[in-house]
Amino acid sequence: MEDKVTTEVKDNTAQLPQLHEPRNPGMELDLDWVARVQANTSAIERRCATLPGRRSVKKDYQAAWLLKAITCIDLTTLAGDDTVGRVARLCAKAKTPVRSEILAELGVEGITTGAVCVYHDMIESAVANLKGTGIPVAAVSTGFPAGLSPFHLRVEEIRESVKAGAEEIDIVISRRHVLSQNWQALYDEMKAFREACGDAHVKAILATGELGSLRNVARASLICMMAGADFIKTSTGKESVNATLPVSLVMIRAIRDYYDRTGYRVGYKPAGGISKAKDAITYLALIKEELGDRWLQPDLFRFGASSLLGDIERQLEHHVTGAYSASHRHAMG
């Protein structure tokens, strides 16, 4: 397998280089490959149960991992009462996620979140507030979160969000295609969504808590990558069960298999229910073990989160000062 060339481009808004991969172009639907995909639930659960205890980091190492986690956060607000003011405050937090005096003590500067994620109506405000920062705006689309609006409207919603300035589009798949094993329909849907995105990167939300089995999660992951997804993402954050370690292990092994077969790296985004700094470190450790260091960059890994950043900032302040501050001192918006 010939590895694709990765380029490094210096970005004045961050200390770390912004890495760029060739986009996953997708491939023809290979149903034989899909049929061979299985998931040993008990083995997957045993593997994940051991991870938090084996991969605990402390002191300076913990602070370094938490700073890495910040750069991979899609700072998100997806509420019915979102306002222009709330989005402006969220963007301000994305630009300065940790107070300057804490970063100074850590010897770090220029840290930002990976993106800001909003509904379509808030794209214009987010783009205006992030102008010149290099932080992309991501928009949820395709009838988020259920994905049950008419198909032509879902495709048009993507186009409108791209036109409004969104550089990343988080789409939701039709769960019924997975539950009925209609892989051709899922492939065709995902391919149409990818085409509608144009140059904007597309994250395919599987809503794994509604897919019935880990095998379905594995197969849906593979189909979406075959159809050209740039990222696969666990959840909308609105399901009763969102990101979990077993689901993550299944999805990132599908990513690894796809890379081994095609040479194209696809990103991963766990979303929903990840609100504690220690959980962020566990997910990063899983990525490092299963996919390697290259996937620990924001172009290939993101957290979908609204409250995670607050707990990370509290932990960093404790690392610097030895005392925990109140949560209200780290509000998101």
Protein backbone atom coordinates (compact mmCIF):
# COMPACT_ATOMS: atom_id res chain seq x y z
CA MET A 1 0.00 0.00 0.00
CA GLU A 2 1.35 3.39 -0.96
CA ASP A 3 0.93 5.93 1.84
CA LYS A 4 -0.58 9.27 0.82
CA VAL A 5 1.61 12.32 1.30
CA THR A 6 0.81 14.51 4.30
CA THR A 7 1.74 18.17 4.16
CA GLU A 8 2.34 20.58 7.02
CA VAL A 9 1.21 24.17 6.73
CA LYS A 10 2.09 26.77 9.34
CA ASP A 11 -0.95 28.56 10.74
CA ASN A 12 -0.40 31.81 12.62
CA THR A 13 -3.34 31.15 14.92
CA ALA A 14 -1.94 28.00 16.52
CA GLN A 15 1.40 26.64 17.63
CA LEU A 16 0.81 23.18 16.25
CA PRO A 17 1.06 22.76 12.47
CA GLN A 18 -2.25 22.27 10.71
CA LEU A 19 -1.98 18.91 8.93
CA HIS A 20 -3.89 18.20 5.76
CA GLU A 21 -4.65 14.80 4.26
CA PRO A 22 -5.85 14.04 0.74
CA ARG A 23 -9.64 13.76 1.02
CA ASN A 24 -11.20 10.35 1.01
CA PRO A 25 -12.69 10.08 -2.51
CA GLY A 26 -14.72 7.01 -1.65
CA MET A 27 -14.90 3.84 -3.69
CA GLU A 28 -17.39 1.55 -5.37
CA LEU A 29 -19.76 -0.21 -2.99
CA ASP A 30 -18.22 -3.56 -2.04
CA LEU A 31 -20.99 -5.65 -0.52
CA ASP A 32 -18.74 -8.68 -0.13
CA TRP A 33 -16.48 -6.67 2.17
CA VAL A 34 -19.51 -5.41 4.10
CA ALA A 35 -20.88 -8.94 4.53
CA ARG A 36 -17.59 -10.12 6.02
CA VAL A 37 -17.65 -7.47 8.74
CA GLN A 38 -18.50 -8.86 12.19
CA ALA A 39 -18.27 -7.60 15.79
CA ASN A 40 -17.46 -9.77 18.81
CA THR A 41 -19.37 -7.81 21.45
CA SER A 42 -17.97 -9.56 24.54
CA ALA A 43 -14.36 -9.21 23.34
CA ILE A 44 -14.91 -5.55 22.45
CA GLU A 45 -16.39 -4.81 25.86
CA ARG A 46 -13.52 -6.58 27.66
CA ARG A 47 -10.95 -4.59 25.68
CA CYS A 48 -12.66 -1.30 26.52
CA ALA A 49 -13.20 -2.11 30.20
CA THR A 50 -9.45 -2.30 30.79
CA LEU A 51 -8.53 0.98 29.10
CA PRO A 52 -9.33 3.65 31.77
CA GLY A 53 -7.23 1.91 34.41
CA ARG A 54 -4.29 1.13 32.13
CA ARG A 55 -3.97 4.54 30.55
CA SER A 56 -4.04 6.96 33.48
CA VAL A 57 -1.69 9.95 33.18
CA LYS A 58 -0.70 12.43 35.88
CA LYS A 59 0.82 15.87 36.42
CA ASP A 60 2.57 17.46 33.42
CA TYR A 61 1.63 14.56 31.18
CA GLN A 62 -2.04 14.97 32.07
CA ALA A 63 -1.88 18.70 31.34
CA ALA A 64 -0.31 18.00 27.94
CA TRP A 65 -3.03 15.51 27.03
CA LEU A 66 -5.72 17.95 28.12
CA LEU A 67 -4.26 20.72 25.98
CA LYS A 68 -4.27 18.29 23.05
CA ALA A 69 -7.93 17.49 23.77
CA ILE A 70 -8.86 21.19 23.59
CA THR A 71 -7.46 21.48 20.06
CA CYS A 72 -9.73 18.59 19.02
CA ILE A 73 -13.02 19.93 20.42
CA ASP A 74 -15.92 20.93 18.18
CA LEU A 75 -17.32 23.47 20.63
CA THR A 76 -21.04 23.04 20.15
CA THR A 77 -24.37 24.72 20.80
CA LEU A 78 -27.43 22.96 19.37
CA ALA A 79 -30.33 24.27 21.42
CA GLY A 80 -33.69 25.60 20.38
CA ASP A 81 -33.03 28.81 22.29
CA ASP A 82 -29.69 29.58 20.62
CA THR A 83 -29.20 33.29 19.95
CA VAL A 84 -26.66 35.40 18.08
CA GLY A 85 -25.31 36.54 21.44
CA ARG A 86 -24.81 32.99 22.70
CA VAL A 87 -22.99 32.02 19.52
CA ALA A 88 -20.76 35.12 19.80
CA ARG A 89 -19.81 34.12 23.35
CA LEU A 90 -19.16 30.53 22.25
CA CYS A 91 -16.89 31.76 19.46
CA ALA A 92 -15.01 33.95 21.93
CA LYS A 93 -14.48 30.85 24.07
CA ALA A 94 -13.29 28.87 21.03
CA LYS A 95 -10.68 31.57 20.31
CA THR A 96 -9.53 31.72 23.95
CA PRO A 97 -10.53 28.39 25.51
CA VAL A 98 -8.24 28.73 28.54
CA ARG A 99 -7.42 31.88 30.48
CA SER A 100 -4.15 33.45 29.38
CA GLU A 101 -2.53 33.33 32.82
CA ILE A 102 -3.04 29.55 33.00
CA LEU A 103 -1.51 29.06 29.55
CA ALA A 104 1.39 31.31 30.51
CA GLU A 105 2.12 29.14 33.55
CA LEU A 106 2.05 26.09 31.27
CA GLY A 107 4.33 27.74 28.74
CA VAL A 108 1.77 27.48 25.94
CA GLU A 109 0.05 30.03 23.74
CA GLY A 110 -2.18 30.12 20.68
CA ILE A 111 -4.42 27.21 21.67
CA THR A 112 -7.89 27.19 20.09
CA THR A 113 -10.65 24.60 19.74
CA GLY A 114 -10.92 22.57 16.56
CA ALA A 115 -14.18 24.13 15.33
CA VAL A 116 -17.48 25.67 16.40
CA CYS A 117 -20.60 23.63 15.60
CA VAL A 118 -24.04 25.25 15.23
CA TYR A 119 -27.40 25.00 13.50
CA HIS A 120 -27.78 26.50 10.02
CA ASP A 121 -29.38 29.74 11.23
CA MET A 122 -26.35 30.49 13.39
CA ILE A 123 -23.69 29.96 10.67
CA GLU A 124 -23.54 33.60 9.60
CA SER A 125 -22.98 34.79 13.16
CA ALA A 126 -20.34 32.14 13.84
CA VAL A 127 -18.45 32.89 10.61
CA ALA A 128 -18.41 36.61 11.41
CA ASN A 129 -17.13 36.05 14.93
CA LEU A 130 -14.40 33.63 13.82
CA LYS A 131 -13.18 35.63 10.82
CA GLY A 132 -9.40 35.58 10.55
CA THR A 133 -8.89 32.93 13.25
CA GLY A 134 -8.61 29.84 11.08
CA ILE A 135 -11.25 28.11 13.24
CA PRO A 136 -13.81 26.47 10.92
CA VAL A 137 -17.57 26.59 11.39
CA ALA A 138 -19.34 23.23 11.33
CA ALA A 139 -23.08 23.01 10.76
CA VAL A 140 -25.44 20.14 11.51
CA SER A 141 -27.63 19.35 8.53
CA THR A 142 -29.97 16.90 6.73
CA GLY A 143 -32.89 17.25 9.13
CA PHE A 144 -30.72 16.93 12.26
CA PRO A 145 -31.20 15.05 14.56
CA ALA A 146 -33.77 12.58 13.15
CA GLY A 147 -32.91 12.90 9.45
CA LEU A 148 -36.50 12.27 8.40
CA SER A 149 -37.25 15.36 6.32
CA PRO A 150 -37.74 14.92 2.54
CA PHE A 151 -34.54 13.86 0.82
CA HIS A 152 -34.36 16.80 -1.58
CA LEU A 153 -34.69 19.21 1.34
CA ARG A 154 -31.87 17.49 3.20
CA VAL A 155 -29.59 17.84 0.19
CA GLU A 156 -30.60 21.48 -0.28
CA GLU A 157 -29.97 22.18 3.40
CA ILE A 158 -26.37 21.07 2.92
CA ARG A 159 -25.94 23.38 -0.06
CA GLU A 160 -27.41 26.33 1.83
CA SER A 161 -25.11 25.75 4.81
CA VAL A 162 -22.05 25.58 2.57
CA LYS A 163 -23.18 28.76 0.82
CA ALA A 164 -23.54 30.44 4.22
CA GLY A 165 -19.90 29.72 5.03
CA ALA A 166 -19.80 26.36 6.83
CA GLU A 167 -16.55 24.53 6.09
CA GLU A 168 -17.71 21.29 7.71
CA ILE A 169 -21.13 19.65 7.50
CA ASP A 170 -22.33 17.09 10.07
CA ILE A 171 -25.01 15.02 8.34
CA VAL A 172 -27.25 12.33 9.83
CA ILE A 173 -27.83 9.07 8.00
CA SER A 174 -31.21 7.37 7.67
CA ARG A 175 -31.11 4.76 10.43
CA ARG A 176 -33.80 2.69 8.67
CA HIS A 177 -31.34 1.83 5.89
CA VAL A 178 -29.04 0.21 8.47
CA LEU A 179 -31.81 -1.52 10.39
CA SER A 180 -33.24 -2.99 7.17
CA GLN A 181 -29.75 -3.83 5.84
CA ASN A 182 -30.38 -1.72 2.73
CA TRP A 183 -26.71 -0.94 2.17
CA GLN A 184 -27.19 0.31 -1.39
CA ALA A 185 -29.65 2.94 -0.17
CA LEU A 186 -27.28 4.06 2.59
CA TYR A 187 -24.39 4.26 0.13
CA ASP A 188 -26.40 6.28 -2.39
CA GLU A 189 -27.65 8.67 0.32
CA MET A 190 -24.18 9.26 1.73
CA LYS A 191 -22.71 9.76 -1.74
CA ALA A 192 -25.36 12.39 -2.55
CA PHE A 193 -24.62 14.20 0.73
CA ARG A 194 -20.87 14.17 -0.01
CA GLU A 195 -21.45 15.63 -3.48
CA ALA A 196 -23.70 18.38 -2.09
CA CYS A 197 -20.94 19.38 0.35
CA GLY A 198 -18.51 20.24 -2.44
CA ASP A 199 -15.26 21.43 -0.84
CA ALA A 200 -16.73 21.36 2.68
CA HIS A 201 -15.77 18.28 4.67
CA VAL A 202 -18.59 15.95 5.64
CA LYS A 203 -18.98 14.13 8.96
CA ALA A 204 -21.41 11.21 8.83
CA ILE A 205 -23.40 10.86 12.07
CA LEU A 206 -24.42 7.23 12.54
CA ALA A 207 -26.59 7.69 15.66
CA THR A 208 -25.05 4.47 16.96
CA GLY A 209 -27.43 4.22 19.92
CA GLU A 210 -30.24 3.57 17.45
CA LEU A 211 -28.55 1.02 15.16
CA GLY A 212 -29.30 -2.08 17.22
CA SER A 213 -25.90 -3.83 17.29
CA LEU A 214 -22.17 -3.27 17.10
CA ARG A 215 -22.10 -5.21 13.84
CA ASN A 216 -24.52 -2.72 12.33
CA VAL A 217 -22.28 0.09 13.58
CA ALA A 218 -19.24 -1.50 11.91
CA ARG A 219 -21.01 -2.04 8.61
CA ALA A 220 -22.58 1.43 8.56
CA SER A 221 -19.16 2.94 9.27
CA LEU A 222 -17.65 1.11 6.33
CA ILE A 223 -20.49 2.05 3.94
CA CYS A 224 -20.20 5.75 4.80
CA MET A 225 -16.46 5.69 4.18
CA MET A 226 -16.97 3.90 0.86
CA ALA A 227 -19.35 6.72 -0.10
CA GLY A 228 -16.75 9.40 0.64
CA ALA A 229 -17.24 10.48 4.27
CA ASP A 230 -14.35 12.59 5.60
CA PHE A 231 -15.29 11.72 9.21
CA ILE A 232 -17.55 9.19 10.85
CA LYS A 233 -19.25 10.37 14.03
CA THR A 234 -21.05 8.42 16.75
CA SER A 235 -24.08 10.45 17.67
CA THR A 236 -26.18 13.56 17.42
CA GLY A 237 -26.05 13.97 21.19
CA LYS A 238 -29.84 13.68 21.23
CA GLU A 239 -30.11 9.88 21.48
CA SER A 240 -30.61 8.04 24.78
CA VAL A 241 -27.18 6.38 24.30
CA ASN A 242 -24.43 8.42 22.68
CA ALA A 243 -20.65 7.91 22.46
CA THR A 244 -19.29 4.85 24.26
CA LEU A 245 -15.89 3.16 24.24
CA PRO A 246 -17.18 -0.09 22.64
CA VAL A 247 -18.84 1.83 19.81
CA SER A 248 -15.67 3.90 19.40
CA LEU A 249 -13.49 0.80 19.20
CA VAL A 250 -15.70 -0.66 16.47
CA MET A 251 -15.71 2.55 14.45
CA ILE A 252 -11.98 3.24 14.66
CA ARG A 253 -11.14 -0.33 13.69
CA ALA A 254 -13.37 0.16 10.65
CA ILE A 255 -11.34 3.32 9.93
CA ARG A 256 -8.12 1.32 10.27
CA ASP A 257 -9.37 -1.40 7.93
CA TYR A 258 -10.44 1.21 5.38
CA TYR A 259 -7.02 2.88 5.55
CA ASP A 260 -5.26 -0.47 5.16
CA ARG A 261 -7.35 -1.20 2.05
CA THR A 262 -7.38 2.23 0.37
CA GLY A 263 -4.55 4.31 1.85
CA TYR A 264 -6.98 7.12 2.79
CA ARG A 265 -7.32 8.31 6.37
CA VAL A 266 -10.85 9.04 7.59
CA GLY A 267 -11.46 11.04 10.76
CA TYR A 268 -13.38 10.05 13.87
CA LYS A 269 -15.66 12.11 16.12
CA PRO A 270 -17.24 10.77 19.32
CA ALA A 271 -20.10 13.02 20.42
CA GLY A 272 -22.62 13.19 23.23
CA GLY A 273 -22.03 12.48 26.90
CA ILE A 274 -18.29 13.26 26.97
CA SER A 275 -18.13 15.96 29.63
CA LYS A 276 -15.21 15.03 31.90
CA ALA A 277 -11.53 15.65 31.32
CA LYS A 278 -10.60 12.09 32.37
CA ASP A 279 -12.96 10.69 29.73
CA ALA A 280 -11.31 12.82 27.05
CA ILE A 281 -7.93 11.34 27.94
CA THR A 282 -9.35 7.83 27.74
CA TYR A 283 -10.66 8.45 24.22
CA LEU A 284 -7.34 9.96 23.14
CA ALA A 285 -5.51 6.92 24.54
CA LEU A 286 -7.80 4.60 22.58
CA ILE A 287 -7.10 6.51 19.38
CA LYS A 288 -3.34 6.42 20.01
CA GLU A 289 -3.35 2.67 20.66
CA GLU A 290 -5.58 1.70 17.74
CA LEU A 291 -4.75 4.25 15.03
CA GLY A 292 -1.49 5.89 16.05
CA ASP A 293 -0.29 9.43 16.62
CA ARG A 294 -1.32 10.75 13.21
CA TRP A 295 -4.98 10.52 14.21
CA LEU A 296 -4.35 12.69 17.29
CA GLN A 297 -4.62 15.85 15.19
CA PRO A 298 -7.78 17.95 14.74
CA ASP A 299 -8.04 17.18 11.03
CA LEU A 300 -8.63 13.51 11.93
CA PHE A 301 -10.08 13.56 15.44
CA ARG A 302 -12.71 15.71 17.13
CA PHE A 303 -14.83 15.63 20.27
CA GLY A 304 -18.40 16.79 19.83
CA ALA A 305 -18.93 18.58 23.15
CA SER A 306 -20.51 21.55 24.83
CA SER A 307 -19.40 21.16 28.45
CA LEU A 308 -16.13 19.19 28.17
CA LEU A 309 -14.01 22.31 27.80
CA GLY A 310 -15.19 23.69 31.15
CA ASP A 311 -13.99 20.62 33.04
CA ILE A 312 -10.68 20.58 31.18
CA GLU A 313 -10.07 24.21 32.10
CA ARG A 314 -10.83 23.46 35.75
CA GLN A 315 -8.32 20.60 35.71
CA LEU A 316 -5.64 22.78 34.13
CA GLU A 317 -6.23 25.48 36.72
CA HIS A 318 -5.88 22.88 39.45
CA HIS A 319 -2.63 21.71 37.88
CA VAL A 320 -1.25 25.25 37.95
CA THR A 321 -2.62 26.52 41.28
CA GLY A 322 -3.36 23.40 43.30
CA ALA A 323 -7.00 24.46 43.81
CA TYR A 324 -10.23 23.75 41.94
CA SER A 325 -12.31 26.71 40.84
CA ALA A 326 -16.09 26.82 40.65
CA SER A 327 -17.65 25.57 37.42
CA HIS A 328 -19.44 28.89 36.82
CA ARG A 329 -16.05 30.54 36.27
CA HIS A 330 -15.65 28.51 33.08
CA ALA A 331 -18.92 29.15 31.33
CA MET A 332 -19.23 28.29 27.63
CA GLY A 333 -21.56 31.05 26.49
